[in-house]
Amino acid sequence: MDFFLFDNFANGALWALVFAKALPLFMTLDPLGNTGIIGALIQNFDVKQQHKILRREVLIALIVMLFFYCAGTFFLNALDISQAAVEITGGLVFFIFAINLLFAHHADIKANKSLHEPFIVPIAVPLIAGPSCLATIMLYSHESINPGVILPALFLAWLAAAGIILMTPLLTKTIGKIGLRILEQVMGLLCIMIAIKMLLRGITTFLNT
């Protein structure tokens, strides 16, 4: 990463692009929607153990996300996927995710009655690093944007989502399922607008090429 990139970050020139990439990724992580499910999976453990499980699972999710970012370019280049196809596919994936986020109701998850800790599945994958999140990361990896933008966006989205997930025991007690569902629907509306923007950008790229 050259000095010019660092200088732009210092002046705030690239932070808008970082946030623009981080926001859709944060939405696909869906920390608010997953809080209730994760809470049910760990509720039989004491608070100290719950925090230990959550810290471990969010770190594993980050490792999985970084792997898909590194491998995404290889797979998409091997398939000779164009930039327009990447942008249109990203918009479609994000639109489907947004519709599900806005209208679908999560099924009630039965509490984990055993003292066997959930490991990787289902909390890290697919609840935190789910299919929509990993697909978005792969598409990001193929975009002609400096990794100095995408990687900070990935870490920023993960950090924000991890912060919410680590507060799962507190959120499930204070806000409740109804409050979390309302916040999730607001996120769904934002996701739809972002998805339409991605689709229009992909169509514009296709028409220009």
N, C-alpha and C. Protein backbone atom coordinates (compact mmCIF):
# COMPACT_ATOMS: atom_id res chain seq x y z
N MET A 1 0.85 -1.19 0.00
CA MET A 1 0.00 0.00 0.00
C MET A 1 0.89 1.25 0.00
N ASP A 2 0.69 2.13 -0.93
CA ASP A 2 1.62 3.24 -1.09
C ASP A 2 1.28 4.39 -0.14
N PHE A 3 2.20 5.38 -0.11
CA PHE A 3 2.03 6.54 0.77
C PHE A 3 0.79 7.34 0.42
N PHE A 4 0.46 7.36 -0.87
CA PHE A 4 -0.72 8.12 -1.30
C PHE A 4 -1.99 7.60 -0.65
N LEU A 5 -2.07 6.26 -0.53
CA LEU A 5 -3.25 5.68 0.09
C LEU A 5 -3.32 6.06 1.56
N PHE A 6 -2.17 5.99 2.25
CA PHE A 6 -2.17 6.39 3.65
C PHE A 6 -2.53 7.86 3.82
N ASP A 7 -2.05 8.70 2.88
CA ASP A 7 -2.34 10.12 2.95
C ASP A 7 -3.82 10.37 2.76
N ASN A 8 -4.46 9.63 1.83
CA ASN A 8 -5.89 9.78 1.61
C ASN A 8 -6.70 9.35 2.82
N PHE A 9 -6.25 8.28 3.49
CA PHE A 9 -6.94 7.85 4.70
C PHE A 9 -6.82 8.91 5.78
N ALA A 10 -5.63 9.50 5.89
CA ALA A 10 -5.42 10.52 6.91
C ALA A 10 -6.31 11.72 6.67
N ASN A 11 -6.55 12.05 5.40
CA ASN A 11 -7.40 13.19 5.07
C ASN A 11 -8.88 12.82 4.96
N GLY A 12 -9.21 11.57 5.17
CA GLY A 12 -10.61 11.14 5.12
C GLY A 12 -11.14 10.91 3.72
N ALA A 13 -10.26 10.91 2.69
CA ALA A 13 -10.74 10.80 1.32
C ALA A 13 -11.30 9.42 1.01
N LEU A 14 -10.75 8.37 1.64
CA LEU A 14 -11.18 7.01 1.33
C LEU A 14 -12.14 6.43 2.36
N TRP A 15 -12.34 7.12 3.46
CA TRP A 15 -13.19 6.54 4.50
C TRP A 15 -14.64 6.38 4.05
N ALA A 16 -15.10 7.27 3.20
CA ALA A 16 -16.47 7.13 2.69
C ALA A 16 -16.63 5.84 1.91
N LEU A 17 -15.60 5.49 1.11
CA LEU A 17 -15.63 4.24 0.35
C LEU A 17 -15.55 3.03 1.28
N VAL A 18 -14.73 3.13 2.32
CA VAL A 18 -14.64 2.04 3.30
C VAL A 18 -15.98 1.80 3.96
N PHE A 19 -16.64 2.85 4.40
CA PHE A 19 -17.95 2.71 5.04
C PHE A 19 -18.99 2.19 4.06
N ALA A 20 -18.89 2.64 2.79
CA ALA A 20 -19.84 2.17 1.78
C ALA A 20 -19.71 0.67 1.55
N LYS A 21 -18.50 0.14 1.66
CA LYS A 21 -18.30 -1.30 1.52
C LYS A 21 -18.60 -2.05 2.81
N ALA A 22 -18.35 -1.42 3.94
CA ALA A 22 -18.56 -2.08 5.23
C ALA A 22 -20.04 -2.23 5.57
N LEU A 23 -20.85 -1.26 5.18
CA LEU A 23 -22.27 -1.30 5.56
C LEU A 23 -23.01 -2.50 5.00
N PRO A 24 -22.92 -2.78 3.67
CA PRO A 24 -23.60 -3.98 3.18
C PRO A 24 -23.09 -5.26 3.82
N LEU A 25 -21.79 -5.32 4.07
CA LEU A 25 -21.23 -6.51 4.70
C LEU A 25 -21.73 -6.67 6.13
N PHE A 26 -21.83 -5.56 6.84
CA PHE A 26 -22.38 -5.59 8.20
C PHE A 26 -23.82 -6.09 8.19
N MET A 27 -24.59 -5.66 7.18
CA MET A 27 -25.98 -6.10 7.08
C MET A 27 -26.06 -7.61 6.87
N THR A 28 -25.19 -8.15 6.02
CA THR A 28 -25.25 -9.59 5.76
C THR A 28 -24.81 -10.40 6.97
N LEU A 29 -24.00 -9.83 7.84
CA LEU A 29 -23.65 -10.50 9.08
C LEU A 29 -24.86 -10.62 10.01
N ASP A 30 -25.81 -9.71 9.86
CA ASP A 30 -27.10 -9.74 10.57
C ASP A 30 -26.95 -10.01 12.06
N PRO A 31 -26.18 -9.20 12.78
CA PRO A 31 -25.98 -9.48 14.21
C PRO A 31 -27.25 -9.35 15.04
N LEU A 32 -28.13 -8.41 14.66
CA LEU A 32 -29.37 -8.24 15.43
C LEU A 32 -30.30 -9.43 15.25
N GLY A 33 -30.40 -9.92 14.02
CA GLY A 33 -31.28 -11.06 13.77
C GLY A 33 -30.76 -12.34 14.40
N ASN A 34 -29.43 -12.45 14.51
CA ASN A 34 -28.84 -13.67 15.05
C ASN A 34 -28.77 -13.68 16.57
N THR A 35 -28.95 -12.51 17.18
CA THR A 35 -28.80 -12.42 18.63
C THR A 35 -29.75 -13.34 19.37
N GLY A 36 -31.02 -13.35 18.95
CA GLY A 36 -32.00 -14.19 19.62
C GLY A 36 -31.69 -15.67 19.48
N ILE A 37 -31.24 -16.08 18.29
CA ILE A 37 -30.91 -17.48 18.05
C ILE A 37 -29.68 -17.88 18.86
N ILE A 38 -28.66 -17.04 18.82
CA ILE A 38 -27.43 -17.35 19.57
C ILE A 38 -27.72 -17.39 21.06
N GLY A 39 -28.56 -16.46 21.53
CA GLY A 39 -28.92 -16.44 22.95
C GLY A 39 -29.56 -17.74 23.38
N ALA A 40 -30.41 -18.31 22.52
CA ALA A 40 -31.07 -19.58 22.85
C ALA A 40 -30.07 -20.73 22.88
N LEU A 41 -29.04 -20.65 22.05
CA LEU A 41 -28.06 -21.74 21.97
C LEU A 41 -27.10 -21.77 23.16
N ILE A 42 -26.92 -20.62 23.81
CA ILE A 42 -25.93 -20.56 24.90
C ILE A 42 -26.55 -20.25 26.25
N GLN A 43 -27.87 -20.22 26.35
CA GLN A 43 -28.50 -19.74 27.57
C GLN A 43 -28.31 -20.67 28.78
N ASN A 44 -27.97 -21.93 28.54
CA ASN A 44 -27.78 -22.85 29.67
C ASN A 44 -26.38 -22.77 30.28
N PHE A 45 -25.52 -21.93 29.70
CA PHE A 45 -24.19 -21.74 30.27
C PHE A 45 -24.18 -20.49 31.15
N ASP A 46 -23.26 -20.45 32.10
CA ASP A 46 -23.16 -19.24 32.93
C ASP A 46 -22.61 -18.10 32.09
N VAL A 47 -22.76 -16.88 32.60
CA VAL A 47 -22.42 -15.68 31.83
C VAL A 47 -20.96 -15.68 31.39
N LYS A 48 -20.06 -16.10 32.28
CA LYS A 48 -18.64 -16.13 31.93
C LYS A 48 -18.39 -17.08 30.77
N GLN A 49 -19.03 -18.24 30.80
CA GLN A 49 -18.87 -19.21 29.73
C GLN A 49 -19.49 -18.72 28.43
N GLN A 50 -20.62 -18.02 28.54
CA GLN A 50 -21.27 -17.46 27.35
C GLN A 50 -20.33 -16.49 26.63
N HIS A 51 -19.69 -15.61 27.39
CA HIS A 51 -18.77 -14.65 26.77
C HIS A 51 -17.57 -15.36 26.15
N LYS A 52 -17.10 -16.42 26.78
CA LYS A 52 -16.00 -17.18 26.22
C LYS A 52 -16.39 -17.81 24.89
N ILE A 53 -17.58 -18.39 24.84
CA ILE A 53 -18.06 -19.00 23.59
C ILE A 53 -18.21 -17.96 22.49
N LEU A 54 -18.80 -16.82 22.83
CA LEU A 54 -19.04 -15.78 21.83
C LEU A 54 -17.73 -15.21 21.30
N ARG A 55 -16.76 -14.98 22.17
CA ARG A 55 -15.46 -14.45 21.71
C ARG A 55 -14.80 -15.44 20.75
N ARG A 56 -14.85 -16.72 21.09
CA ARG A 56 -14.24 -17.73 20.22
C ARG A 56 -14.94 -17.80 18.87
N GLU A 57 -16.26 -17.76 18.87
CA GLU A 57 -17.01 -17.92 17.63
C GLU A 57 -16.86 -16.72 16.71
N VAL A 58 -16.81 -15.51 17.25
CA VAL A 58 -16.65 -14.34 16.37
C VAL A 58 -15.25 -14.33 15.75
N LEU A 59 -14.24 -14.82 16.48
CA LEU A 59 -12.89 -14.91 15.92
C LEU A 59 -12.82 -15.96 14.81
N ILE A 60 -13.49 -17.08 15.02
CA ILE A 60 -13.53 -18.11 13.98
C ILE A 60 -14.24 -17.58 12.74
N ALA A 61 -15.32 -16.83 12.95
CA ALA A 61 -16.05 -16.24 11.82
C ALA A 61 -15.14 -15.29 11.03
N LEU A 62 -14.31 -14.52 11.73
CA LEU A 62 -13.38 -13.62 11.05
C LEU A 62 -12.38 -14.40 10.20
N ILE A 63 -11.87 -15.49 10.73
CA ILE A 63 -10.92 -16.33 9.97
C ILE A 63 -11.57 -16.87 8.70
N VAL A 64 -12.82 -17.32 8.83
CA VAL A 64 -13.54 -17.84 7.67
C VAL A 64 -13.75 -16.73 6.63
N MET A 65 -14.10 -15.53 7.09
CA MET A 65 -14.31 -14.40 6.19
C MET A 65 -13.04 -14.04 5.44
N LEU A 66 -11.90 -14.02 6.15
CA LEU A 66 -10.63 -13.71 5.51
C LEU A 66 -10.24 -14.77 4.50
N PHE A 67 -10.54 -16.03 4.80
CA PHE A 67 -10.24 -17.10 3.86
C PHE A 67 -11.02 -16.91 2.56
N PHE A 68 -12.31 -16.58 2.67
CA PHE A 68 -13.12 -16.40 1.47
C PHE A 68 -12.69 -15.17 0.70
N TYR A 69 -12.19 -14.15 1.40
CA TYR A 69 -11.67 -12.97 0.69
C TYR A 69 -10.43 -13.34 -0.11
N CYS A 70 -9.53 -14.11 0.50
CA CYS A 70 -8.29 -14.48 -0.19
C CYS A 70 -8.56 -15.46 -1.33
N ALA A 71 -9.50 -16.38 -1.13
CA ALA A 71 -9.76 -17.40 -2.15
C ALA A 71 -10.74 -16.92 -3.21
N GLY A 72 -11.51 -15.88 -2.90
CA GLY A 72 -12.54 -15.44 -3.83
C GLY A 72 -12.00 -15.01 -5.17
N THR A 73 -10.92 -14.23 -5.16
CA THR A 73 -10.33 -13.76 -6.41
C THR A 73 -9.88 -14.92 -7.28
N PHE A 74 -9.27 -15.93 -6.66
CA PHE A 74 -8.78 -17.09 -7.41
C PHE A 74 -9.93 -17.80 -8.12
N PHE A 75 -11.02 -18.07 -7.38
CA PHE A 75 -12.13 -18.81 -7.97
C PHE A 75 -12.83 -18.00 -9.06
N LEU A 76 -13.06 -16.72 -8.82
CA LEU A 76 -13.77 -15.91 -9.80
C LEU A 76 -12.91 -15.66 -11.04
N ASN A 77 -11.61 -15.49 -10.85
CA ASN A 77 -10.72 -15.34 -12.01
C ASN A 77 -10.65 -16.62 -12.82
N ALA A 78 -10.65 -17.77 -12.13
CA ALA A 78 -10.62 -19.05 -12.82
C ALA A 78 -11.86 -19.25 -13.67
N LEU A 79 -12.98 -18.67 -13.23
CA LEU A 79 -14.23 -18.78 -13.98
C LEU A 79 -14.40 -17.65 -15.00
N ASP A 80 -13.42 -16.72 -15.05
CA ASP A 80 -13.45 -15.59 -15.98
C ASP A 80 -14.74 -14.78 -15.82
N ILE A 81 -15.03 -14.39 -14.57
CA ILE A 81 -16.22 -13.60 -14.27
C ILE A 81 -15.91 -12.13 -14.50
N SER A 82 -16.75 -11.43 -15.27
CA SER A 82 -16.53 -10.01 -15.57
C SER A 82 -16.95 -9.15 -14.38
N GLN A 83 -16.47 -7.89 -14.40
CA GLN A 83 -16.80 -6.96 -13.33
C GLN A 83 -18.30 -6.67 -13.30
N ALA A 84 -18.92 -6.54 -14.47
CA ALA A 84 -20.37 -6.29 -14.52
C ALA A 84 -21.14 -7.46 -13.91
N ALA A 85 -20.70 -8.69 -14.20
CA ALA A 85 -21.37 -9.86 -13.64
C ALA A 85 -21.23 -9.90 -12.12
N VAL A 86 -20.06 -9.50 -11.64
CA VAL A 86 -19.83 -9.46 -10.20
C VAL A 86 -20.78 -8.47 -9.53
N GLU A 87 -20.90 -7.28 -10.11
CA GLU A 87 -21.74 -6.24 -9.51
C GLU A 87 -23.22 -6.61 -9.57
N ILE A 88 -23.68 -7.15 -10.70
CA ILE A 88 -25.09 -7.54 -10.82
C ILE A 88 -25.40 -8.71 -9.89
N THR A 89 -24.51 -9.69 -9.84
CA THR A 89 -24.72 -10.82 -8.93
C THR A 89 -24.74 -10.36 -7.49
N GLY A 90 -23.83 -9.47 -7.13
CA GLY A 90 -23.82 -8.93 -5.77
C GLY A 90 -25.12 -8.24 -5.43
N GLY A 91 -25.64 -7.47 -6.37
CA GLY A 91 -26.92 -6.79 -6.14
C GLY A 91 -28.07 -7.76 -5.95
N LEU A 92 -28.10 -8.82 -6.78
CA LEU A 92 -29.16 -9.82 -6.67
C LEU A 92 -29.09 -10.58 -5.36
N VAL A 93 -27.87 -11.00 -4.99
CA VAL A 93 -27.70 -11.73 -3.73
C VAL A 93 -28.13 -10.86 -2.55
N PHE A 94 -27.71 -9.60 -2.59
CA PHE A 94 -28.03 -8.70 -1.50
C PHE A 94 -29.52 -8.38 -1.46
N PHE A 95 -30.18 -8.30 -2.63
CA PHE A 95 -31.61 -8.03 -2.68
C PHE A 95 -32.40 -9.19 -2.08
N ILE A 96 -32.03 -10.41 -2.44
CA ILE A 96 -32.71 -11.59 -1.88
C ILE A 96 -32.52 -11.64 -0.37
N PHE A 97 -31.30 -11.34 0.08
CA PHE A 97 -31.05 -11.32 1.52
C PHE A 97 -31.91 -10.25 2.20
N ALA A 98 -32.03 -9.07 1.57
CA ALA A 98 -32.80 -7.98 2.16
C ALA A 98 -34.28 -8.33 2.27
N ILE A 99 -34.82 -8.99 1.24
CA ILE A 99 -36.23 -9.40 1.28
C ILE A 99 -36.47 -10.38 2.42
N ASN A 100 -35.57 -11.34 2.57
CA ASN A 100 -35.70 -12.30 3.66
C ASN A 100 -35.57 -11.63 5.02
N LEU A 101 -34.69 -10.66 5.09
CA LEU A 101 -34.48 -9.93 6.35
C LEU A 101 -35.71 -9.11 6.71
N LEU A 102 -36.37 -8.55 5.69
CA LEU A 102 -37.50 -7.66 5.94
C LEU A 102 -38.78 -8.40 6.26
N PHE A 103 -39.02 -9.52 5.58
CA PHE A 103 -40.32 -10.18 5.70
C PHE A 103 -40.29 -11.53 6.42
N ALA A 104 -39.17 -12.22 6.37
CA ALA A 104 -39.14 -13.56 6.97
C ALA A 104 -39.04 -13.46 8.48
N HIS A 105 -39.67 -14.40 9.15
CA HIS A 105 -39.58 -14.49 10.60
C HIS A 105 -38.71 -15.68 10.96
N HIS A 106 -37.80 -15.45 11.87
CA HIS A 106 -36.94 -16.54 12.30
C HIS A 106 -37.75 -17.57 13.07
N ALA A 107 -37.50 -18.82 12.75
CA ALA A 107 -38.17 -19.88 13.50
C ALA A 107 -37.61 -19.93 14.92
N ASP A 108 -38.47 -20.28 15.85
CA ASP A 108 -38.02 -20.39 17.23
C ASP A 108 -36.99 -21.51 17.34
N ILE A 109 -35.89 -21.20 17.99
CA ILE A 109 -34.83 -22.17 18.18
C ILE A 109 -34.92 -22.75 19.58
N LYS A 110 -34.96 -24.05 19.67
CA LYS A 110 -35.03 -24.68 20.98
C LYS A 110 -33.70 -24.49 21.71
N ALA A 111 -33.82 -24.29 23.00
CA ALA A 111 -32.62 -24.07 23.80
C ALA A 111 -31.74 -25.31 23.80
N ASN A 112 -30.47 -25.06 23.86
CA ASN A 112 -29.51 -26.16 23.94
C ASN A 112 -29.55 -26.72 25.35
N LYS A 113 -30.12 -27.89 25.50
CA LYS A 113 -30.33 -28.45 26.83
C LYS A 113 -29.10 -29.17 27.37
N SER A 114 -28.14 -29.44 26.53
CA SER A 114 -26.92 -30.09 26.98
C SER A 114 -25.88 -29.03 27.33
N LEU A 115 -24.81 -29.46 27.96
CA LEU A 115 -23.72 -28.56 28.30
C LEU A 115 -22.59 -28.65 27.28
N HIS A 116 -22.91 -29.20 26.11
CA HIS A 116 -21.93 -29.31 25.04
C HIS A 116 -21.85 -27.97 24.32
N GLU A 117 -20.67 -27.36 24.34
CA GLU A 117 -20.52 -26.03 23.74
C GLU A 117 -20.64 -26.09 22.23
N PRO A 118 -21.38 -25.16 21.64
CA PRO A 118 -21.39 -25.08 20.18
C PRO A 118 -20.02 -24.62 19.69
N PHE A 119 -19.46 -25.33 18.71
CA PHE A 119 -18.13 -25.01 18.21
C PHE A 119 -18.18 -24.90 16.69
N ILE A 120 -17.90 -23.72 16.18
CA ILE A 120 -17.91 -23.37 14.75
C ILE A 120 -19.34 -23.40 14.21
N VAL A 121 -19.96 -24.58 14.22
CA VAL A 121 -21.34 -24.73 13.76
C VAL A 121 -22.23 -24.83 14.99
N PRO A 122 -23.34 -24.09 15.07
CA PRO A 122 -23.88 -23.21 14.02
C PRO A 122 -23.61 -21.72 14.23
N ILE A 123 -22.85 -21.34 15.26
CA ILE A 123 -22.74 -19.91 15.57
C ILE A 123 -21.79 -19.20 14.60
N ALA A 124 -20.52 -19.64 14.55
CA ALA A 124 -19.56 -18.98 13.66
C ALA A 124 -20.00 -19.10 12.21
N VAL A 125 -20.36 -20.33 11.81
CA VAL A 125 -20.88 -20.63 10.48
C VAL A 125 -22.06 -21.57 10.67
N PRO A 126 -23.26 -21.26 10.19
CA PRO A 126 -23.57 -20.18 9.24
C PRO A 126 -24.28 -18.97 9.84
N LEU A 127 -24.37 -18.86 11.19
CA LEU A 127 -25.12 -17.73 11.75
C LEU A 127 -24.39 -16.41 11.56
N ILE A 128 -23.11 -16.35 11.94
CA ILE A 128 -22.37 -15.09 11.79
C ILE A 128 -21.86 -14.95 10.35
N ALA A 129 -20.98 -15.84 9.95
CA ALA A 129 -20.48 -15.84 8.57
C ALA A 129 -21.38 -16.74 7.74
N GLY A 130 -22.50 -16.20 7.33
CA GLY A 130 -23.48 -16.97 6.57
C GLY A 130 -23.23 -16.93 5.07
N PRO A 131 -24.08 -17.61 4.29
CA PRO A 131 -23.89 -17.66 2.83
C PRO A 131 -23.89 -16.28 2.18
N SER A 132 -24.81 -15.40 2.58
CA SER A 132 -24.87 -14.06 1.97
C SER A 132 -23.61 -13.27 2.27
N CYS A 133 -23.12 -13.37 3.50
CA CYS A 133 -21.90 -12.67 3.90
C CYS A 133 -20.71 -13.17 3.09
N LEU A 134 -20.55 -14.48 2.99
CA LEU A 134 -19.39 -15.05 2.30
C LEU A 134 -19.45 -14.80 0.80
N ALA A 135 -20.67 -14.81 0.23
CA ALA A 135 -20.81 -14.48 -1.19
C ALA A 135 -20.43 -13.03 -1.45
N THR A 136 -20.84 -12.13 -0.55
CA THR A 136 -20.49 -10.71 -0.69
C THR A 136 -18.98 -10.51 -0.61
N ILE A 137 -18.33 -11.22 0.31
CA ILE A 137 -16.88 -11.10 0.45
C ILE A 137 -16.17 -11.58 -0.80
N MET A 138 -16.61 -12.68 -1.37
CA MET A 138 -16.01 -13.19 -2.60
C MET A 138 -16.16 -12.18 -3.74
N LEU A 139 -17.33 -11.55 -3.82
CA LEU A 139 -17.55 -10.55 -4.87
C LEU A 139 -16.68 -9.33 -4.63
N TYR A 140 -16.53 -8.92 -3.37
CA TYR A 140 -15.64 -7.81 -3.04
C TYR A 140 -14.20 -8.12 -3.47
N SER A 141 -13.79 -9.37 -3.27
CA SER A 141 -12.40 -9.72 -3.57
C SER A 141 -12.09 -9.59 -5.06
N HIS A 142 -13.12 -9.64 -5.90
CA HIS A 142 -12.93 -9.59 -7.34
C HIS A 142 -13.05 -8.17 -7.89
N GLU A 143 -13.50 -7.23 -7.07
CA GLU A 143 -13.66 -5.86 -7.53
C GLU A 143 -12.29 -5.19 -7.69
N SER A 144 -12.23 -4.28 -8.64
CA SER A 144 -10.98 -3.58 -8.92
C SER A 144 -10.81 -2.41 -7.95
N ILE A 145 -10.75 -2.74 -6.66
CA ILE A 145 -10.58 -1.75 -5.61
C ILE A 145 -9.39 -2.18 -4.76
N ASN A 146 -8.59 -1.21 -4.34
CA ASN A 146 -7.41 -1.49 -3.54
C ASN A 146 -7.78 -2.30 -2.30
N PRO A 147 -7.03 -3.38 -2.00
CA PRO A 147 -7.28 -4.14 -0.77
C PRO A 147 -7.20 -3.27 0.48
N GLY A 148 -6.51 -2.14 0.37
CA GLY A 148 -6.45 -1.21 1.48
C GLY A 148 -7.79 -0.57 1.79
N VAL A 149 -8.77 -0.76 0.92
CA VAL A 149 -10.14 -0.31 1.17
C VAL A 149 -11.00 -1.48 1.64
N ILE A 150 -10.91 -2.60 0.93
CA ILE A 150 -11.78 -3.74 1.23
C ILE A 150 -11.46 -4.36 2.58
N LEU A 151 -10.19 -4.56 2.88
CA LEU A 151 -9.82 -5.19 4.15
C LEU A 151 -10.23 -4.35 5.36
N PRO A 152 -9.98 -3.03 5.37
CA PRO A 152 -10.51 -2.24 6.49
C PRO A 152 -12.03 -2.30 6.58
N ALA A 153 -12.71 -2.34 5.43
CA ALA A 153 -14.17 -2.45 5.44
C ALA A 153 -14.60 -3.78 6.05
N LEU A 154 -13.89 -4.85 5.70
CA LEU A 154 -14.21 -6.17 6.26
C LEU A 154 -14.02 -6.18 7.77
N PHE A 155 -12.89 -5.65 8.24
CA PHE A 155 -12.64 -5.62 9.67
C PHE A 155 -13.62 -4.70 10.40
N LEU A 156 -13.99 -3.59 9.77
CA LEU A 156 -14.93 -2.67 10.39
C LEU A 156 -16.31 -3.31 10.54
N ALA A 157 -16.77 -3.98 9.49
CA ALA A 157 -18.07 -4.66 9.55
C ALA A 157 -18.05 -5.77 10.59
N TRP A 158 -16.97 -6.55 10.59
CA TRP A 158 -16.86 -7.64 11.57
C TRP A 158 -16.82 -7.09 13.00
N LEU A 159 -16.06 -6.01 13.20
CA LEU A 159 -15.92 -5.45 14.54
C LEU A 159 -17.26 -4.95 15.07
N ALA A 160 -18.02 -4.28 14.21
CA ALA A 160 -19.34 -3.78 14.63
C ALA A 160 -20.29 -4.93 14.94
N ALA A 161 -20.28 -5.95 14.08
CA ALA A 161 -21.16 -7.11 14.31
C ALA A 161 -20.72 -7.88 15.55
N ALA A 162 -19.41 -8.05 15.73
CA ALA A 162 -18.90 -8.77 16.89
C ALA A 162 -19.28 -8.06 18.19
N GLY A 163 -19.22 -6.72 18.16
CA GLY A 163 -19.60 -5.97 19.35
C GLY A 163 -21.04 -6.21 19.76
N ILE A 164 -21.93 -6.29 18.77
CA ILE A 164 -23.34 -6.56 19.07
C ILE A 164 -23.53 -8.00 19.55
N ILE A 165 -22.87 -8.94 18.87
CA ILE A 165 -23.02 -10.35 19.23
C ILE A 165 -22.48 -10.62 20.63
N LEU A 166 -21.39 -9.97 21.00
CA LEU A 166 -20.83 -10.16 22.33
C LEU A 166 -21.75 -9.62 23.43
N MET A 167 -22.67 -8.75 23.05
CA MET A 167 -23.65 -8.23 24.01
C MET A 167 -24.94 -9.04 24.01
N THR A 168 -24.93 -10.21 23.38
CA THR A 168 -26.13 -11.04 23.27
C THR A 168 -26.84 -11.26 24.60
N PRO A 169 -26.14 -11.68 25.68
CA PRO A 169 -26.84 -11.89 26.95
C PRO A 169 -27.56 -10.64 27.44
N LEU A 170 -26.95 -9.47 27.24
CA LEU A 170 -27.57 -8.23 27.70
C LEU A 170 -28.73 -7.81 26.80
N LEU A 171 -28.55 -7.92 25.48
CA LEU A 171 -29.58 -7.49 24.55
C LEU A 171 -30.85 -8.31 24.65
N THR A 172 -30.70 -9.62 24.82
CA THR A 172 -31.88 -10.48 24.90
C THR A 172 -32.71 -10.18 26.14
N LYS A 173 -32.08 -9.63 27.18
CA LYS A 173 -32.80 -9.30 28.40
C LYS A 173 -33.43 -7.91 28.34
N THR A 174 -32.72 -6.94 27.73
CA THR A 174 -33.19 -5.56 27.75
C THR A 174 -34.13 -5.21 26.60
N ILE A 175 -33.77 -5.60 25.38
CA ILE A 175 -34.58 -5.24 24.21
C ILE A 175 -35.66 -6.27 23.95
N GLY A 176 -35.32 -7.54 24.07
CA GLY A 176 -36.29 -8.60 23.80
C GLY A 176 -36.40 -8.90 22.32
N LYS A 177 -37.14 -9.96 22.00
CA LYS A 177 -37.27 -10.41 20.62
C LYS A 177 -37.99 -9.38 19.74
N ILE A 178 -39.00 -8.72 20.29
CA ILE A 178 -39.77 -7.75 19.49
C ILE A 178 -38.88 -6.57 19.10
N GLY A 179 -38.13 -6.04 20.06
CA GLY A 179 -37.25 -4.92 19.77
C GLY A 179 -36.19 -5.27 18.75
N LEU A 180 -35.62 -6.46 18.87
CA LEU A 180 -34.61 -6.90 17.91
C LEU A 180 -35.22 -7.07 16.52
N ARG A 181 -36.45 -7.56 16.46
CA ARG A 181 -37.12 -7.75 15.17
C ARG A 181 -37.39 -6.41 14.49
N ILE A 182 -37.78 -5.40 15.23
CA ILE A 182 -38.02 -4.07 14.66
C ILE A 182 -36.73 -3.50 14.08
N LEU A 183 -35.64 -3.61 14.84
CA LEU A 183 -34.35 -3.12 14.35
C LEU A 183 -33.92 -3.87 13.10
N GLU A 184 -34.21 -5.16 13.06
CA GLU A 184 -33.84 -5.97 11.90
C GLU A 184 -34.62 -5.55 10.66
N GLN A 185 -35.89 -5.18 10.82
CA GLN A 185 -36.70 -4.74 9.69
C GLN A 185 -36.20 -3.41 9.14
N VAL A 186 -35.75 -2.53 10.04
CA VAL A 186 -35.16 -1.27 9.59
C VAL A 186 -33.90 -1.55 8.76
N MET A 187 -33.09 -2.49 9.22
CA MET A 187 -31.91 -2.89 8.45
C MET A 187 -32.30 -3.46 7.10
N GLY A 188 -33.42 -4.20 7.06
CA GLY A 188 -33.89 -4.77 5.80
C GLY A 188 -34.22 -3.70 4.77
N LEU A 189 -34.85 -2.61 5.22
CA LEU A 189 -35.16 -1.50 4.31
C LEU A 189 -33.88 -0.88 3.74
N LEU A 190 -32.89 -0.68 4.60
CA LEU A 190 -31.62 -0.13 4.13
C LEU A 190 -30.95 -1.08 3.15
N CYS A 191 -31.05 -2.39 3.41
CA CYS A 191 -30.44 -3.38 2.53
C CYS A 191 -31.04 -3.34 1.13
N ILE A 192 -32.37 -3.16 1.04
CA ILE A 192 -33.04 -3.11 -0.26
C ILE A 192 -32.51 -1.93 -1.07
N MET A 193 -32.37 -0.78 -0.44
CA MET A 193 -31.88 0.40 -1.14
C MET A 193 -30.44 0.19 -1.62
N ILE A 194 -29.61 -0.43 -0.78
CA ILE A 194 -28.23 -0.70 -1.17
C ILE A 194 -28.19 -1.70 -2.33
N ALA A 195 -29.06 -2.72 -2.28
CA ALA A 195 -29.10 -3.74 -3.33
C ALA A 195 -29.49 -3.13 -4.67
N ILE A 196 -30.47 -2.23 -4.68
CA ILE A 196 -30.88 -1.57 -5.92
C ILE A 196 -29.74 -0.74 -6.48
N LYS A 197 -29.02 -0.06 -5.60
CA LYS A 197 -27.87 0.74 -6.04
C LYS A 197 -26.81 -0.16 -6.68
N MET A 198 -26.54 -1.32 -6.07
CA MET A 198 -25.56 -2.25 -6.63
C MET A 198 -26.00 -2.78 -7.98
N LEU A 199 -27.29 -3.09 -8.13
CA LEU A 199 -27.81 -3.58 -9.40
C LEU A 199 -27.68 -2.52 -10.49
N LEU A 200 -28.06 -1.30 -10.19
CA LEU A 200 -27.97 -0.21 -11.18
C LEU A 200 -26.52 0.03 -11.59
N ARG A 201 -25.60 -0.04 -10.64
CA ARG A 201 -24.19 0.13 -10.97
C ARG A 201 -23.69 -0.99 -11.86
N GLY A 202 -24.14 -2.22 -11.59
CA GLY A 202 -23.74 -3.35 -12.42
C GLY A 202 -24.28 -3.24 -13.82
N ILE A 203 -25.55 -2.81 -13.95
CA ILE A 203 -26.15 -2.64 -15.28
C ILE A 203 -25.42 -1.55 -16.06
N THR A 204 -25.07 -0.45 -15.36
CA THR A 204 -24.34 0.64 -16.01
C THR A 204 -22.97 0.15 -16.51
N THR A 205 -22.29 -0.64 -15.69
CA THR A 205 -20.99 -1.18 -16.08
C THR A 205 -21.13 -2.09 -17.31
N PHE A 206 -22.17 -2.89 -17.33
CA PHE A 206 -22.40 -3.80 -18.46
C PHE A 206 -22.67 -3.01 -19.73
N LEU A 207 -23.50 -1.97 -19.66
CA LEU A 207 -23.83 -1.18 -20.85
C LEU A 207 -22.62 -0.41 -21.36
N ASN A 208 -21.74 0.02 -20.44
CA ASN A 208 -20.56 0.76 -20.86
C ASN A 208 -19.50 -0.13 -21.50
N THR A 209 -19.57 -1.45 -21.22
CA THR A 209 -18.55 -2.34 -21.77
C THR A 209 -19.10 -3.18 -22.92
